């Protein structure tokens, strides 16, 4: 720490954990800085795994806000209950899409994390849009209506 910095702040000890991710580029070295200094309290491998999992939620939020909701996402409801309902709707669609992705990956023998959310979302949008093009009012004749 530079002498000027030492005068401005009280330094505190940190622990630096260096690690590589299995199945990734072995040349990439990751460094995690933490205030958990006791390796007996939390081993380095556990810290590295937890930090990696922490970024999973960031990716999920990105999928919902940026890709699923779009760049100009605006919640339309003017009341708290309606906003809550819209948010639940986004979360349910995300969960359903991730479930379909997981099932498809398992059937293909792939790691679900390797399936593109954006591609799956676009495929779902194409499918739902095609289904929405069919109107129930145009598929039945008036004589068929009483059989429904």
N, C-alpha and C. Protein backbone atom coordinates (compact mmCIF):
# COMPACT_ATOMS: atom_id res chain seq x y z
N UNK A 1 0.85 -1.17 0.00
CA UNK A 1 0.00 0.00 0.00
C UNK A 1 0.90 1.23 0.00
N UNK A 2 0.57 2.18 -0.82
CA UNK A 2 1.35 3.42 -0.90
C UNK A 2 1.21 4.20 0.40
N UNK A 3 2.23 4.97 0.71
CA UNK A 3 2.22 5.70 1.99
C UNK A 3 1.05 6.69 2.05
N UNK A 4 0.68 7.30 0.93
CA UNK A 4 -0.45 8.24 0.94
C UNK A 4 -1.75 7.51 1.27
N UNK A 5 -1.93 6.30 0.74
CA UNK A 5 -3.13 5.53 1.02
C UNK A 5 -3.19 5.11 2.48
N UNK A 6 -2.05 4.76 3.05
CA UNK A 6 -1.99 4.32 4.43
C UNK A 6 -2.45 5.44 5.37
N UNK A 7 -2.17 6.67 4.99
CA UNK A 7 -2.57 7.80 5.83
C UNK A 7 -4.08 8.03 5.77
N UNK A 8 -4.72 7.67 4.68
CA UNK A 8 -6.15 7.95 4.50
C UNK A 8 -7.06 6.87 5.08
N UNK A 9 -6.63 5.65 5.10
CA UNK A 9 -7.49 4.54 5.52
C UNK A 9 -6.76 3.64 6.50
N UNK A 10 -7.55 2.92 7.24
CA UNK A 10 -6.98 1.90 8.10
C UNK A 10 -6.92 0.61 7.29
N UNK A 11 -5.75 0.11 7.00
CA UNK A 11 -5.65 -1.12 6.22
C UNK A 11 -6.17 -2.31 7.02
N UNK A 12 -6.68 -3.31 6.34
CA UNK A 12 -7.12 -4.53 7.00
C UNK A 12 -6.65 -5.71 6.17
N UNK A 13 -6.46 -6.83 6.83
CA UNK A 13 -5.91 -7.99 6.13
C UNK A 13 -6.94 -8.61 5.17
N UNK A 14 -6.44 -9.10 4.07
CA UNK A 14 -7.27 -9.81 3.10
C UNK A 14 -6.56 -11.11 2.71
N UNK A 15 -7.32 -11.97 2.15
CA UNK A 15 -6.80 -13.26 1.67
C UNK A 15 -7.01 -13.29 0.16
N UNK A 16 -5.98 -13.72 -0.55
CA UNK A 16 -6.06 -13.85 -2.00
C UNK A 16 -6.10 -15.33 -2.33
N UNK A 17 -7.16 -15.74 -3.03
CA UNK A 17 -7.32 -17.13 -3.43
C UNK A 17 -7.16 -17.19 -4.94
N UNK A 18 -6.20 -17.96 -5.40
CA UNK A 18 -5.99 -18.14 -6.83
C UNK A 18 -6.50 -19.52 -7.22
N UNK A 19 -7.21 -19.59 -8.35
CA UNK A 19 -7.76 -20.88 -8.78
C UNK A 19 -7.99 -20.89 -10.28
N UNK A 20 -8.16 -22.08 -10.80
CA UNK A 20 -8.52 -22.30 -12.20
C UNK A 20 -9.82 -23.10 -12.22
N UNK A 21 -10.65 -22.87 -13.23
CA UNK A 21 -11.91 -23.60 -13.35
C UNK A 21 -11.70 -24.87 -14.16
N UNK A 22 -12.24 -25.98 -13.66
CA UNK A 22 -12.16 -27.24 -14.39
C UNK A 22 -12.94 -27.14 -15.69
N UNK A 23 -12.41 -27.74 -16.74
CA UNK A 23 -13.09 -27.76 -18.02
C UNK A 23 -12.98 -26.47 -18.80
N UNK A 24 -12.24 -25.53 -18.31
CA UNK A 24 -12.04 -24.25 -18.99
C UNK A 24 -10.58 -24.14 -19.38
N UNK A 25 -10.23 -23.02 -19.95
CA UNK A 25 -8.85 -22.75 -20.36
C UNK A 25 -7.94 -22.83 -19.14
N UNK A 26 -7.02 -23.82 -19.15
CA UNK A 26 -6.13 -24.00 -17.99
C UNK A 26 -5.15 -22.85 -17.79
N UNK A 27 -4.99 -22.00 -18.80
CA UNK A 27 -4.07 -20.87 -18.67
C UNK A 27 -4.69 -19.71 -17.89
N UNK A 28 -6.00 -19.72 -17.74
CA UNK A 28 -6.67 -18.61 -17.05
C UNK A 28 -6.62 -18.82 -15.55
N UNK A 29 -5.99 -17.90 -14.88
CA UNK A 29 -5.89 -17.93 -13.43
C UNK A 29 -6.82 -16.86 -12.86
N UNK A 30 -7.71 -17.27 -11.98
CA UNK A 30 -8.64 -16.35 -11.34
C UNK A 30 -8.12 -16.01 -9.96
N UNK A 31 -8.38 -14.78 -9.53
CA UNK A 31 -7.99 -14.34 -8.19
C UNK A 31 -9.21 -13.78 -7.48
N UNK A 32 -9.42 -14.27 -6.30
CA UNK A 32 -10.53 -13.83 -5.46
C UNK A 32 -9.94 -13.20 -4.21
N UNK A 33 -10.37 -12.00 -3.90
CA UNK A 33 -9.90 -11.30 -2.70
C UNK A 33 -11.03 -11.29 -1.69
N UNK A 34 -10.74 -11.74 -0.48
CA UNK A 34 -11.77 -11.84 0.55
C UNK A 34 -11.22 -11.41 1.90
N UNK A 35 -12.13 -11.04 2.78
CA UNK A 35 -11.73 -10.70 4.15
C UNK A 35 -11.82 -11.93 5.05
N UNK A 36 -12.25 -13.06 4.50
CA UNK A 36 -12.27 -14.32 5.26
C UNK A 36 -10.85 -14.88 5.19
N UNK A 37 -10.07 -14.60 6.21
CA UNK A 37 -8.64 -14.92 6.18
C UNK A 37 -8.29 -16.30 6.72
N UNK A 38 -9.18 -16.92 7.45
CA UNK A 38 -8.90 -18.21 8.06
C UNK A 38 -9.25 -19.35 7.10
N UNK A 39 -8.26 -20.06 6.56
CA UNK A 39 -8.56 -21.15 5.62
C UNK A 39 -9.31 -22.30 6.27
N UNK A 40 -9.21 -22.43 7.60
CA UNK A 40 -9.98 -23.48 8.28
C UNK A 40 -11.47 -23.13 8.33
N UNK A 41 -11.76 -21.83 8.39
CA UNK A 41 -13.16 -21.38 8.41
C UNK A 41 -13.81 -21.64 7.05
N UNK A 42 -13.12 -21.31 5.99
CA UNK A 42 -13.63 -21.52 4.63
C UNK A 42 -12.46 -21.86 3.73
N UNK A 43 -12.35 -23.12 3.31
CA UNK A 43 -11.26 -23.52 2.42
C UNK A 43 -11.31 -22.78 1.07
N UNK A 44 -10.17 -22.65 0.44
CA UNK A 44 -10.06 -21.92 -0.82
C UNK A 44 -10.98 -22.50 -1.90
N UNK A 45 -11.06 -23.82 -2.00
CA UNK A 45 -11.91 -24.44 -3.02
C UNK A 45 -13.39 -24.07 -2.81
N UNK A 46 -13.81 -24.00 -1.56
CA UNK A 46 -15.20 -23.63 -1.25
C UNK A 46 -15.47 -22.17 -1.63
N UNK A 47 -14.53 -21.29 -1.31
CA UNK A 47 -14.68 -19.88 -1.68
C UNK A 47 -14.78 -19.71 -3.19
N UNK A 48 -13.93 -20.41 -3.92
CA UNK A 48 -13.93 -20.31 -5.38
C UNK A 48 -15.26 -20.80 -5.94
N UNK A 49 -15.78 -21.91 -5.43
CA UNK A 49 -17.06 -22.45 -5.91
C UNK A 49 -18.21 -21.49 -5.58
N UNK A 50 -18.21 -20.94 -4.37
CA UNK A 50 -19.27 -20.01 -3.98
C UNK A 50 -19.23 -18.73 -4.82
N UNK A 51 -18.04 -18.26 -5.11
CA UNK A 51 -17.92 -17.03 -5.91
C UNK A 51 -18.45 -17.28 -7.32
N UNK A 52 -18.13 -18.44 -7.87
CA UNK A 52 -18.63 -18.78 -9.20
C UNK A 52 -20.15 -18.85 -9.19
N UNK A 53 -20.74 -19.45 -8.15
CA UNK A 53 -22.20 -19.54 -8.04
C UNK A 53 -22.83 -18.17 -7.86
N UNK A 54 -22.15 -17.27 -7.21
CA UNK A 54 -22.66 -15.91 -7.01
C UNK A 54 -22.93 -15.25 -8.36
N UNK A 55 -22.10 -15.53 -9.34
CA UNK A 55 -22.28 -14.93 -10.66
C UNK A 55 -23.44 -15.57 -11.43
N UNK A 56 -23.88 -16.76 -11.03
CA UNK A 56 -25.02 -17.39 -11.68
C UNK A 56 -26.27 -16.51 -11.54
N UNK A 57 -26.49 -15.90 -10.38
CA UNK A 57 -27.65 -15.05 -10.20
C UNK A 57 -27.54 -13.80 -11.06
N UNK A 58 -26.33 -13.28 -11.22
CA UNK A 58 -26.14 -12.12 -12.09
C UNK A 58 -26.52 -12.47 -13.53
N UNK A 59 -26.13 -13.66 -13.98
CA UNK A 59 -26.49 -14.10 -15.33
C UNK A 59 -28.00 -14.25 -15.46
N UNK A 60 -28.64 -14.76 -14.43
CA UNK A 60 -30.10 -14.93 -14.46
C UNK A 60 -30.79 -13.58 -14.55
N UNK A 61 -30.35 -12.62 -13.75
CA UNK A 61 -30.94 -11.28 -13.82
C UNK A 61 -30.74 -10.66 -15.19
N UNK A 62 -29.57 -10.88 -15.79
CA UNK A 62 -29.32 -10.38 -17.14
C UNK A 62 -30.27 -11.02 -18.15
N UNK A 63 -30.49 -12.33 -18.01
CA UNK A 63 -31.41 -13.02 -18.93
C UNK A 63 -32.81 -12.42 -18.84
N UNK A 64 -33.27 -12.16 -17.63
CA UNK A 64 -34.62 -11.64 -17.44
C UNK A 64 -34.72 -10.19 -17.89
N UNK A 65 -33.82 -9.34 -17.42
CA UNK A 65 -33.92 -7.91 -17.68
C UNK A 65 -33.55 -7.54 -19.11
N UNK A 66 -32.45 -8.06 -19.62
CA UNK A 66 -31.94 -7.64 -20.91
C UNK A 66 -32.55 -8.42 -22.06
N UNK A 67 -32.59 -9.74 -21.94
CA UNK A 67 -33.02 -10.55 -23.07
C UNK A 67 -34.52 -10.81 -23.07
N UNK A 68 -35.04 -11.27 -21.96
CA UNK A 68 -36.47 -11.59 -21.90
C UNK A 68 -37.31 -10.32 -21.92
N UNK A 69 -36.93 -9.34 -21.13
CA UNK A 69 -37.72 -8.11 -21.04
C UNK A 69 -37.42 -7.13 -22.14
N UNK A 70 -36.26 -7.21 -22.71
CA UNK A 70 -35.88 -6.26 -23.76
C UNK A 70 -35.20 -5.04 -23.18
N UNK A 71 -34.52 -4.34 -24.04
CA UNK A 71 -33.75 -3.16 -23.60
C UNK A 71 -34.63 -2.04 -23.06
N UNK A 72 -35.83 -1.94 -23.56
CA UNK A 72 -36.73 -0.86 -23.15
C UNK A 72 -37.81 -1.36 -22.18
N UNK A 73 -37.46 -2.32 -21.33
CA UNK A 73 -38.43 -2.91 -20.41
C UNK A 73 -39.05 -1.84 -19.51
N UNK A 74 -40.36 -1.76 -19.56
CA UNK A 74 -41.11 -0.87 -18.68
C UNK A 74 -42.27 -1.69 -18.13
N UNK A 75 -42.39 -1.72 -16.83
CA UNK A 75 -43.54 -2.39 -16.23
C UNK A 75 -44.74 -1.48 -16.41
N UNK A 76 -45.81 -2.02 -16.98
CA UNK A 76 -46.94 -1.20 -17.41
C UNK A 76 -47.94 -0.88 -16.31
N UNK A 77 -47.98 -1.69 -15.29
CA UNK A 77 -48.98 -1.48 -14.25
C UNK A 77 -48.71 -0.18 -13.50
N UNK A 78 -49.79 0.45 -13.07
CA UNK A 78 -49.66 1.69 -12.32
C UNK A 78 -49.84 1.47 -10.81
N UNK A 79 -50.03 0.21 -10.42
CA UNK A 79 -50.29 -0.10 -9.02
C UNK A 79 -49.34 -1.19 -8.53
N UNK A 80 -48.97 -1.17 -7.27
CA UNK A 80 -48.02 -2.17 -6.73
C UNK A 80 -48.44 -3.62 -6.98
N UNK A 81 -49.71 -3.94 -6.82
CA UNK A 81 -50.16 -5.32 -7.04
C UNK A 81 -49.94 -5.73 -8.49
N UNK A 82 -50.19 -4.83 -9.41
CA UNK A 82 -49.99 -5.13 -10.83
C UNK A 82 -48.52 -5.30 -11.18
N UNK A 83 -47.67 -4.47 -10.58
CA UNK A 83 -46.23 -4.59 -10.81
C UNK A 83 -45.74 -5.93 -10.28
N UNK A 84 -46.20 -6.29 -9.10
CA UNK A 84 -45.83 -7.59 -8.53
C UNK A 84 -46.26 -8.73 -9.45
N UNK A 85 -47.43 -8.62 -10.02
CA UNK A 85 -47.94 -9.64 -10.93
C UNK A 85 -47.07 -9.72 -12.19
N UNK A 86 -46.68 -8.56 -12.73
CA UNK A 86 -45.83 -8.55 -13.91
C UNK A 86 -44.47 -9.20 -13.63
N UNK A 87 -43.91 -8.89 -12.47
CA UNK A 87 -42.62 -9.48 -12.10
C UNK A 87 -42.74 -10.98 -11.96
N UNK A 88 -43.80 -11.45 -11.29
CA UNK A 88 -44.03 -12.89 -11.19
C UNK A 88 -44.18 -13.52 -12.57
N UNK A 89 -44.84 -12.82 -13.47
CA UNK A 89 -44.98 -13.32 -14.84
C UNK A 89 -43.63 -13.51 -15.51
N UNK A 90 -42.74 -12.52 -15.38
CA UNK A 90 -41.40 -12.64 -15.95
C UNK A 90 -40.65 -13.82 -15.33
N UNK A 91 -40.76 -13.95 -14.00
CA UNK A 91 -40.05 -15.04 -13.32
C UNK A 91 -40.60 -16.41 -13.72
N UNK A 92 -41.91 -16.51 -13.86
CA UNK A 92 -42.51 -17.79 -14.27
C UNK A 92 -42.12 -18.18 -15.69
N UNK A 93 -42.11 -17.21 -16.60
CA UNK A 93 -41.69 -17.50 -17.98
C UNK A 93 -40.23 -17.92 -17.99
N UNK A 94 -39.40 -17.24 -17.22
CA UNK A 94 -37.98 -17.60 -17.17
C UNK A 94 -37.81 -19.01 -16.63
N UNK A 95 -38.52 -19.33 -15.57
CA UNK A 95 -38.44 -20.67 -14.96
C UNK A 95 -38.91 -21.75 -15.94
N UNK A 96 -40.01 -21.49 -16.64
CA UNK A 96 -40.53 -22.46 -17.60
C UNK A 96 -39.54 -22.67 -18.75
N UNK A 97 -38.97 -21.60 -19.24
CA UNK A 97 -38.01 -21.71 -20.33
C UNK A 97 -36.75 -22.46 -19.88
N UNK A 98 -36.26 -22.14 -18.68
CA UNK A 98 -35.08 -22.85 -18.15
C UNK A 98 -35.39 -24.33 -17.94
N UNK A 99 -36.61 -24.66 -17.55
CA UNK A 99 -37.00 -26.05 -17.36
C UNK A 99 -36.98 -26.79 -18.70
N UNK A 100 -37.52 -26.18 -19.73
CA UNK A 100 -37.50 -26.79 -21.07
C UNK A 100 -36.06 -26.96 -21.55
N UNK A 101 -35.22 -25.96 -21.30
CA UNK A 101 -33.81 -26.05 -21.69
C UNK A 101 -33.13 -27.21 -20.97
N UNK A 102 -33.43 -27.37 -19.68
CA UNK A 102 -32.83 -28.45 -18.90
C UNK A 102 -33.26 -29.81 -19.44
N UNK A 103 -34.54 -29.96 -19.73
CA UNK A 103 -35.04 -31.22 -20.27
C UNK A 103 -34.39 -31.54 -21.61
N UNK A 104 -34.27 -30.53 -22.48
CA UNK A 104 -33.66 -30.74 -23.79
C UNK A 104 -32.19 -31.12 -23.65
N UNK A 105 -31.49 -30.47 -22.74
CA UNK A 105 -30.07 -30.77 -22.52
C UNK A 105 -29.89 -32.19 -22.00
N UNK A 106 -30.74 -32.60 -21.05
CA UNK A 106 -30.64 -33.95 -20.50
C UNK A 106 -30.90 -35.00 -21.58
N UNK A 107 -31.90 -34.77 -22.42
CA UNK A 107 -32.21 -35.71 -23.49
C UNK A 107 -31.07 -35.82 -24.50
N UNK A 108 -30.35 -34.71 -24.72
CA UNK A 108 -29.24 -34.69 -25.66
C UNK A 108 -27.91 -35.06 -25.01
N UNK A 109 -27.91 -35.27 -23.68
CA UNK A 109 -26.67 -35.60 -22.98
C UNK A 109 -25.72 -34.42 -22.87
N UNK A 110 -26.26 -33.21 -22.77
CA UNK A 110 -25.44 -32.00 -22.70
C UNK A 110 -25.53 -31.37 -21.32
N UNK A 111 -24.57 -30.53 -21.00
CA UNK A 111 -24.60 -29.74 -19.78
C UNK A 111 -25.60 -28.61 -19.98
N UNK A 112 -26.63 -28.49 -19.13
CA UNK A 112 -27.63 -27.43 -19.31
C UNK A 112 -27.05 -26.02 -19.33
N UNK A 113 -25.92 -25.81 -18.67
CA UNK A 113 -25.30 -24.49 -18.67
C UNK A 113 -24.72 -24.12 -20.03
N UNK A 114 -24.58 -25.08 -20.92
CA UNK A 114 -24.01 -24.82 -22.24
C UNK A 114 -25.09 -24.49 -23.27
N UNK A 115 -26.36 -24.50 -22.86
CA UNK A 115 -27.46 -24.17 -23.76
C UNK A 115 -27.67 -22.66 -23.73
N UNK A 116 -27.80 -22.05 -24.89
CA UNK A 116 -27.95 -20.60 -24.98
C UNK A 116 -29.37 -20.17 -24.59
N UNK A 117 -29.46 -19.33 -23.58
CA UNK A 117 -30.76 -18.80 -23.17
C UNK A 117 -31.37 -17.97 -24.29
N UNK A 118 -30.56 -17.15 -24.94
CA UNK A 118 -31.07 -16.28 -26.00
C UNK A 118 -31.65 -17.08 -27.15
N UNK A 119 -30.96 -18.15 -27.56
CA UNK A 119 -31.49 -18.99 -28.63
C UNK A 119 -32.79 -19.67 -28.22
N UNK A 120 -32.84 -20.17 -26.99
CA UNK A 120 -34.06 -20.82 -26.51
C UNK A 120 -35.21 -19.81 -26.42
N UNK A 121 -34.92 -18.61 -25.95
CA UNK A 121 -35.95 -17.58 -25.85
C UNK A 121 -36.49 -17.21 -27.23
N UNK A 122 -35.59 -17.05 -28.19
CA UNK A 122 -36.02 -16.71 -29.55
C UNK A 122 -36.86 -17.83 -30.16
N UNK A 123 -36.47 -19.07 -29.92
CA UNK A 123 -37.25 -20.21 -30.43
C UNK A 123 -38.64 -20.22 -29.80
N UNK A 124 -38.72 -19.97 -28.50
CA UNK A 124 -40.01 -19.93 -27.81
C UNK A 124 -40.87 -18.79 -28.35
N UNK A 125 -40.26 -17.64 -28.59
CA UNK A 125 -41.02 -16.51 -29.13
C UNK A 125 -41.57 -16.83 -30.51
N UNK A 126 -40.76 -17.48 -31.35
CA UNK A 126 -41.25 -17.86 -32.69
C UNK A 126 -42.43 -18.82 -32.57
N UNK A 127 -42.32 -19.78 -31.66
CA UNK A 127 -43.38 -20.77 -31.49
C UNK A 127 -44.66 -20.13 -30.95
N UNK A 128 -44.53 -19.31 -29.93
CA UNK A 128 -45.70 -18.67 -29.32
C UNK A 128 -46.34 -17.70 -30.31
N UNK A 129 -45.54 -16.97 -31.07
CA UNK A 129 -46.07 -16.04 -32.06
C UNK A 129 -46.86 -16.79 -33.12
N UNK A 130 -46.33 -17.94 -33.56
CA UNK A 130 -47.04 -18.73 -34.56
C UNK A 130 -48.37 -19.24 -34.00
N UNK A 131 -48.38 -19.64 -32.73
CA UNK A 131 -49.62 -20.10 -32.11
C UNK A 131 -50.62 -18.96 -31.95
N UNK A 132 -50.13 -17.78 -31.64
CA UNK A 132 -51.02 -16.64 -31.43
C UNK A 132 -51.67 -16.20 -32.73
N UNK A 133 -51.10 -16.57 -33.87
CA UNK A 133 -51.67 -16.19 -35.15
C UNK A 133 -52.99 -16.91 -35.40
N UNK A 134 -53.27 -18.01 -34.70
CA UNK A 134 -54.52 -18.73 -34.84
C UNK A 134 -55.55 -18.14 -33.89
N UNK A 135 -56.60 -17.65 -34.44
CA UNK A 135 -57.66 -17.10 -33.60
C UNK A 135 -58.74 -18.15 -33.40
N UNK A 136 -59.20 -18.36 -32.18
CA UNK A 136 -60.27 -19.33 -31.97
C UNK A 136 -61.55 -18.91 -32.67
N UNK A 137 -61.70 -17.63 -32.96
CA UNK A 137 -62.91 -17.15 -33.63
C UNK A 137 -62.92 -17.50 -35.11
N UNK A 138 -61.75 -17.74 -35.70
CA UNK A 138 -61.70 -18.05 -37.13
C UNK A 138 -61.59 -19.55 -37.39
N UNK A 139 -61.37 -20.36 -36.37
CA UNK A 139 -61.20 -21.80 -36.59
C UNK A 139 -62.49 -22.58 -36.47
N UNK A 140 -63.54 -21.99 -35.91
CA UNK A 140 -64.81 -22.69 -35.73
C UNK A 140 -65.90 -22.01 -36.55
N UNK A 141 -66.74 -22.77 -37.15
CA UNK A 141 -67.90 -22.18 -37.83
C UNK A 141 -69.02 -22.04 -36.82
N UNK A 142 -70.03 -21.31 -37.18
CA UNK A 142 -71.12 -21.07 -36.24
C UNK A 142 -71.86 -22.37 -35.91
N UNK A 143 -71.86 -23.36 -36.80
CA UNK A 143 -72.52 -24.62 -36.49
C UNK A 143 -71.71 -25.46 -35.53
N UNK A 144 -70.37 -25.22 -35.49
CA UNK A 144 -69.52 -25.95 -34.56
C UNK A 144 -69.57 -25.38 -33.15
N UNK A 145 -70.04 -24.17 -33.00
CA UNK A 145 -69.97 -23.49 -31.71
C UNK A 145 -70.76 -24.21 -30.63
N UNK A 146 -71.91 -24.81 -30.99
CA UNK A 146 -72.69 -25.45 -29.93
C UNK A 146 -72.10 -26.80 -29.53
N UNK A 147 -71.11 -27.32 -30.26
CA UNK A 147 -70.46 -28.57 -29.89
C UNK A 147 -69.31 -28.36 -28.91
N UNK A 148 -68.93 -27.13 -28.64
CA UNK A 148 -67.78 -26.85 -27.77
C UNK A 148 -68.09 -26.99 -26.34
